[in-house]
Amino acid sequence: MLAFPGGFVDKGEDPEESVIRELKEECGIDGELVKVLCVRGKPTRDPRGHVVSLAYLVSADGEPTAGDDAASASWYKISEVNKMAGDHLSILNEVNQF
């Protein structure tokens, strides 16, 4: 199922540095932060436990390649995505407001 690349912020790491590091690790591409898109923190949103997610709008280009925990990585037109893992589709809908 489609999902945004991501991971956890390392101890002592700035979340803004973490998002760029995770993009590189998960997709093999470099990016630049544009803005914070939204924050999700509903205690039941992740089956692993209470996880707070910071979603950033990032400018990036190049061809993504899947990292070690993804089956594949690719660009998709927002208008063609209608199903995503967890609450990622609601996050994607935040992009449509810009």
N, C-alpha and C. Protein backbone atom coordinates (compact mmCIF):
# COMPACT_ATOMS: atom_id res chain seq x y z
N MET A 1 0.84 -1.17 0.00
CA MET A 1 0.00 0.00 0.00
C MET A 1 0.89 1.25 0.00
N LEU A 2 0.43 2.28 -0.66
CA LEU A 2 1.20 3.52 -0.71
C LEU A 2 1.28 4.17 0.67
N ALA A 3 2.42 4.76 0.94
CA ALA A 3 2.63 5.49 2.19
C ALA A 3 3.73 6.52 1.95
N PHE A 4 3.72 7.57 2.75
CA PHE A 4 4.78 8.56 2.67
C PHE A 4 6.06 7.98 3.27
N PRO A 5 7.21 8.39 2.76
CA PRO A 5 8.46 7.99 3.41
C PRO A 5 8.55 8.67 4.76
N GLY A 6 9.18 8.02 5.69
CA GLY A 6 9.30 8.63 7.01
C GLY A 6 10.01 7.73 7.99
N GLY A 7 10.11 8.19 9.18
CA GLY A 7 10.77 7.44 10.22
C GLY A 7 10.75 8.24 11.50
N PHE A 8 11.60 7.88 12.40
CA PHE A 8 11.62 8.53 13.70
C PHE A 8 12.75 9.54 13.80
N VAL A 9 12.51 10.56 14.60
CA VAL A 9 13.53 11.56 14.88
C VAL A 9 14.52 10.93 15.86
N ASP A 10 15.80 11.01 15.54
CA ASP A 10 16.83 10.48 16.43
C ASP A 10 16.98 11.39 17.64
N LYS A 11 17.40 10.82 18.76
CA LYS A 11 17.62 11.59 19.97
C LYS A 11 18.61 12.72 19.66
N GLY A 12 18.24 13.95 20.03
CA GLY A 12 19.09 15.11 19.81
C GLY A 12 19.01 15.68 18.40
N GLU A 13 18.16 15.12 17.54
CA GLU A 13 18.04 15.57 16.15
C GLU A 13 16.88 16.55 15.99
N ASP A 14 17.09 17.58 15.21
CA ASP A 14 16.04 18.53 14.88
C ASP A 14 15.07 17.83 13.91
N PRO A 15 13.76 17.91 14.13
CA PRO A 15 12.81 17.27 13.21
C PRO A 15 12.97 17.72 11.76
N GLU A 16 13.38 18.96 11.54
CA GLU A 16 13.57 19.44 10.17
C GLU A 16 14.77 18.78 9.50
N GLU A 17 15.77 18.41 10.28
CA GLU A 17 16.90 17.66 9.73
C GLU A 17 16.50 16.20 9.53
N SER A 18 15.67 15.70 10.42
CA SER A 18 15.21 14.31 10.35
C SER A 18 14.43 14.03 9.06
N VAL A 19 13.55 14.96 8.67
CA VAL A 19 12.72 14.72 7.49
C VAL A 19 13.58 14.64 6.23
N ILE A 20 14.61 15.45 6.13
CA ILE A 20 15.50 15.41 4.97
C ILE A 20 16.36 14.14 5.00
N ARG A 21 16.82 13.75 6.19
CA ARG A 21 17.60 12.50 6.34
C ARG A 21 16.74 11.30 5.95
N GLU A 22 15.51 11.26 6.46
CA GLU A 22 14.63 10.12 6.16
C GLU A 22 14.29 10.06 4.67
N LEU A 23 14.08 11.20 4.02
CA LEU A 23 13.81 11.21 2.58
C LEU A 23 14.98 10.58 1.83
N LYS A 24 16.20 10.92 2.22
CA LYS A 24 17.39 10.36 1.58
C LYS A 24 17.49 8.86 1.85
N GLU A 25 17.27 8.45 3.11
CA GLU A 25 17.36 7.03 3.46
C GLU A 25 16.27 6.20 2.79
N GLU A 26 15.05 6.72 2.77
CA GLU A 26 13.91 5.95 2.27
C GLU A 26 13.79 5.97 0.75
N CYS A 27 14.20 7.08 0.11
CA CYS A 27 13.96 7.24 -1.33
C CYS A 27 15.21 7.57 -2.14
N GLY A 28 16.33 7.80 -1.47
CA GLY A 28 17.57 8.07 -2.19
C GLY A 28 17.61 9.42 -2.87
N ILE A 29 16.77 10.34 -2.45
CA ILE A 29 16.77 11.67 -3.08
C ILE A 29 16.95 12.76 -2.01
N ASP A 30 17.46 13.90 -2.46
CA ASP A 30 17.63 15.06 -1.59
C ASP A 30 16.41 15.96 -1.73
N GLY A 31 16.10 16.66 -0.67
CA GLY A 31 14.96 17.56 -0.70
C GLY A 31 15.22 18.80 0.11
N GLU A 32 14.30 19.74 -0.01
CA GLU A 32 14.39 20.99 0.72
C GLU A 32 13.02 21.26 1.35
N LEU A 33 13.03 21.61 2.63
CA LEU A 33 11.78 21.90 3.33
C LEU A 33 11.11 23.12 2.76
N VAL A 34 9.79 23.02 2.59
CA VAL A 34 9.00 24.16 2.16
C VAL A 34 8.22 24.71 3.36
N LYS A 35 7.52 23.81 4.06
CA LYS A 35 6.75 24.23 5.23
C LYS A 35 6.22 23.01 5.97
N VAL A 36 5.83 23.23 7.23
CA VAL A 36 5.13 22.19 7.97
C VAL A 36 3.74 22.10 7.38
N LEU A 37 3.34 20.90 7.04
CA LEU A 37 2.04 20.69 6.42
C LEU A 37 0.96 20.46 7.48
N CYS A 38 1.22 19.53 8.39
CA CYS A 38 0.26 19.26 9.45
C CYS A 38 0.91 18.40 10.53
N VAL A 39 0.22 18.28 11.65
CA VAL A 39 0.65 17.43 12.75
C VAL A 39 -0.49 16.49 13.05
N ARG A 40 -0.19 15.21 13.18
CA ARG A 40 -1.19 14.20 13.54
C ARG A 40 -0.74 13.53 14.83
N GLY A 41 -1.62 13.45 15.82
CA GLY A 41 -1.23 12.87 17.09
C GLY A 41 -2.31 12.10 17.80
N LYS A 42 -3.38 11.74 17.11
CA LYS A 42 -4.44 10.96 17.74
C LYS A 42 -3.84 9.68 18.33
N PRO A 43 -4.06 9.41 19.60
CA PRO A 43 -3.40 8.27 20.25
C PRO A 43 -3.64 6.92 19.57
N THR A 44 -4.73 6.76 18.85
CA THR A 44 -5.04 5.47 18.22
C THR A 44 -4.69 5.42 16.73
N ARG A 45 -4.00 6.43 16.21
CA ARG A 45 -3.74 6.48 14.77
C ARG A 45 -2.70 5.47 14.30
N ASP A 46 -1.84 4.98 15.18
CA ASP A 46 -0.79 4.04 14.80
C ASP A 46 -0.88 2.81 15.70
N PRO A 47 -0.97 1.61 15.10
CA PRO A 47 -1.10 0.40 15.91
C PRO A 47 0.12 0.10 16.78
N ARG A 48 1.25 0.74 16.52
CA ARG A 48 2.46 0.51 17.32
C ARG A 48 2.42 1.25 18.65
N GLY A 49 1.50 2.20 18.77
CA GLY A 49 1.41 3.00 19.99
C GLY A 49 1.15 4.44 19.64
N HIS A 50 1.23 5.30 20.64
CA HIS A 50 0.96 6.72 20.43
C HIS A 50 2.14 7.37 19.73
N VAL A 51 1.98 7.62 18.45
CA VAL A 51 3.02 8.22 17.61
C VAL A 51 2.51 9.55 17.10
N VAL A 52 3.28 10.59 17.29
CA VAL A 52 2.94 11.91 16.77
C VAL A 52 3.73 12.11 15.47
N SER A 53 3.03 12.44 14.40
CA SER A 53 3.68 12.64 13.10
C SER A 53 3.66 14.11 12.72
N LEU A 54 4.80 14.57 12.23
CA LEU A 54 4.94 15.89 11.65
C LEU A 54 5.07 15.69 10.15
N ALA A 55 4.14 16.23 9.39
CA ALA A 55 4.20 16.10 7.93
C ALA A 55 4.70 17.41 7.35
N TYR A 56 5.72 17.31 6.52
CA TYR A 56 6.32 18.49 5.89
C TYR A 56 6.07 18.44 4.39
N LEU A 57 5.84 19.59 3.81
CA LEU A 57 5.83 19.74 2.37
C LEU A 57 7.29 19.95 1.98
N VAL A 58 7.79 19.10 1.08
CA VAL A 58 9.20 19.12 0.70
C VAL A 58 9.31 19.25 -0.81
N SER A 59 10.23 20.05 -1.26
CA SER A 59 10.54 20.16 -2.68
C SER A 59 11.67 19.19 -2.98
N ALA A 60 11.46 18.33 -3.96
CA ALA A 60 12.48 17.34 -4.32
C ALA A 60 12.28 16.94 -5.77
N ASP A 61 13.36 16.48 -6.39
CA ASP A 61 13.25 15.91 -7.74
C ASP A 61 14.25 14.79 -7.87
N GLY A 62 14.27 14.16 -9.01
CA GLY A 62 15.09 12.97 -9.20
C GLY A 62 14.22 11.73 -9.14
N GLU A 63 14.79 10.62 -9.44
CA GLU A 63 14.05 9.36 -9.42
C GLU A 63 14.24 8.66 -8.09
N PRO A 64 13.15 8.46 -7.34
CA PRO A 64 13.28 7.79 -6.04
C PRO A 64 13.60 6.31 -6.21
N THR A 65 14.35 5.78 -5.26
CA THR A 65 14.64 4.35 -5.19
C THR A 65 14.26 3.88 -3.80
N ALA A 66 13.71 2.70 -3.71
CA ALA A 66 13.22 2.18 -2.43
C ALA A 66 14.36 1.89 -1.47
N GLY A 67 14.18 2.33 -0.23
CA GLY A 67 15.13 2.02 0.84
C GLY A 67 14.90 0.60 1.34
N ASP A 68 15.52 0.26 2.44
CA ASP A 68 15.48 -1.12 2.92
C ASP A 68 14.13 -1.56 3.48
N ASP A 69 13.23 -0.64 3.77
CA ASP A 69 11.94 -1.06 4.33
C ASP A 69 10.76 -0.76 3.41
N ALA A 70 11.01 -0.60 2.12
CA ALA A 70 9.94 -0.36 1.16
C ALA A 70 10.09 -1.30 -0.04
N ALA A 71 8.96 -1.74 -0.56
CA ALA A 71 8.99 -2.62 -1.73
C ALA A 71 9.34 -1.84 -2.99
N SER A 72 8.92 -0.57 -3.04
CA SER A 72 9.20 0.26 -4.21
C SER A 72 9.06 1.73 -3.82
N ALA A 73 9.53 2.60 -4.70
CA ALA A 73 9.38 4.04 -4.51
C ALA A 73 9.16 4.66 -5.88
N SER A 74 8.21 5.57 -5.96
CA SER A 74 7.89 6.19 -7.24
C SER A 74 7.15 7.49 -7.01
N TRP A 75 7.12 8.34 -8.04
CA TRP A 75 6.31 9.55 -8.01
C TRP A 75 4.90 9.19 -8.47
N TYR A 76 3.89 9.84 -7.89
CA TYR A 76 2.49 9.64 -8.27
C TYR A 76 1.84 11.00 -8.41
N LYS A 77 0.94 11.12 -9.35
CA LYS A 77 0.12 12.33 -9.44
C LYS A 77 -0.88 12.29 -8.29
N ILE A 78 -0.99 13.41 -7.57
CA ILE A 78 -1.90 13.46 -6.43
C ILE A 78 -3.32 13.07 -6.85
N SER A 79 -3.74 13.51 -8.01
CA SER A 79 -5.11 13.23 -8.47
C SER A 79 -5.36 11.75 -8.72
N GLU A 80 -4.31 10.95 -8.83
CA GLU A 80 -4.47 9.52 -9.10
C GLU A 80 -4.39 8.66 -7.84
N VAL A 81 -4.10 9.26 -6.69
CA VAL A 81 -3.98 8.50 -5.45
C VAL A 81 -5.31 8.55 -4.71
N ASN A 82 -5.89 7.36 -4.45
CA ASN A 82 -7.16 7.33 -3.73
C ASN A 82 -7.14 6.40 -2.53
N LYS A 83 -5.98 5.79 -2.26
CA LYS A 83 -5.87 4.91 -1.09
C LYS A 83 -4.43 4.93 -0.61
N MET A 84 -4.26 5.11 0.71
CA MET A 84 -2.93 5.11 1.30
C MET A 84 -3.00 4.44 2.67
N ALA A 85 -1.86 4.04 3.16
CA ALA A 85 -1.77 3.40 4.48
C ALA A 85 -2.14 4.39 5.59
N GLY A 86 -2.71 3.86 6.65
CA GLY A 86 -3.01 4.66 7.83
C GLY A 86 -3.81 5.90 7.49
N ASP A 87 -3.39 7.03 8.05
CA ASP A 87 -4.08 8.30 7.79
C ASP A 87 -3.35 9.16 6.77
N HIS A 88 -2.49 8.52 5.97
CA HIS A 88 -1.69 9.29 5.01
C HIS A 88 -2.54 9.98 3.95
N LEU A 89 -3.68 9.39 3.59
CA LEU A 89 -4.53 10.05 2.59
C LEU A 89 -5.07 11.37 3.12
N SER A 90 -5.41 11.42 4.40
CA SER A 90 -5.89 12.69 4.96
C SER A 90 -4.77 13.73 4.97
N ILE A 91 -3.54 13.28 5.14
CA ILE A 91 -2.39 14.19 5.08
C ILE A 91 -2.21 14.68 3.63
N LEU A 92 -2.30 13.77 2.69
CA LEU A 92 -2.18 14.15 1.28
C LEU A 92 -3.23 15.20 0.91
N ASN A 93 -4.41 15.07 1.45
CA ASN A 93 -5.47 16.05 1.16
C ASN A 93 -5.12 17.45 1.66
N GLU A 94 -4.22 17.54 2.66
CA GLU A 94 -3.76 18.86 3.10
C GLU A 94 -3.01 19.57 1.97
N VAL A 95 -2.30 18.82 1.14
CA VAL A 95 -1.55 19.39 0.02
C VAL A 95 -2.51 20.07 -0.96
N ASN A 96 -3.65 19.51 -1.17
CA ASN A 96 -4.61 20.06 -2.12
C ASN A 96 -5.12 21.43 -1.72
N GLN A 97 -4.86 21.84 -0.49
CA GLN A 97 -5.28 23.16 -0.03
C GLN A 97 -4.27 24.24 -0.44
N PHE A 98 -3.11 23.85 -1.01
CA PHE A 98 -2.07 24.81 -1.36
C PHE A 98 -1.96 24.96 -2.86
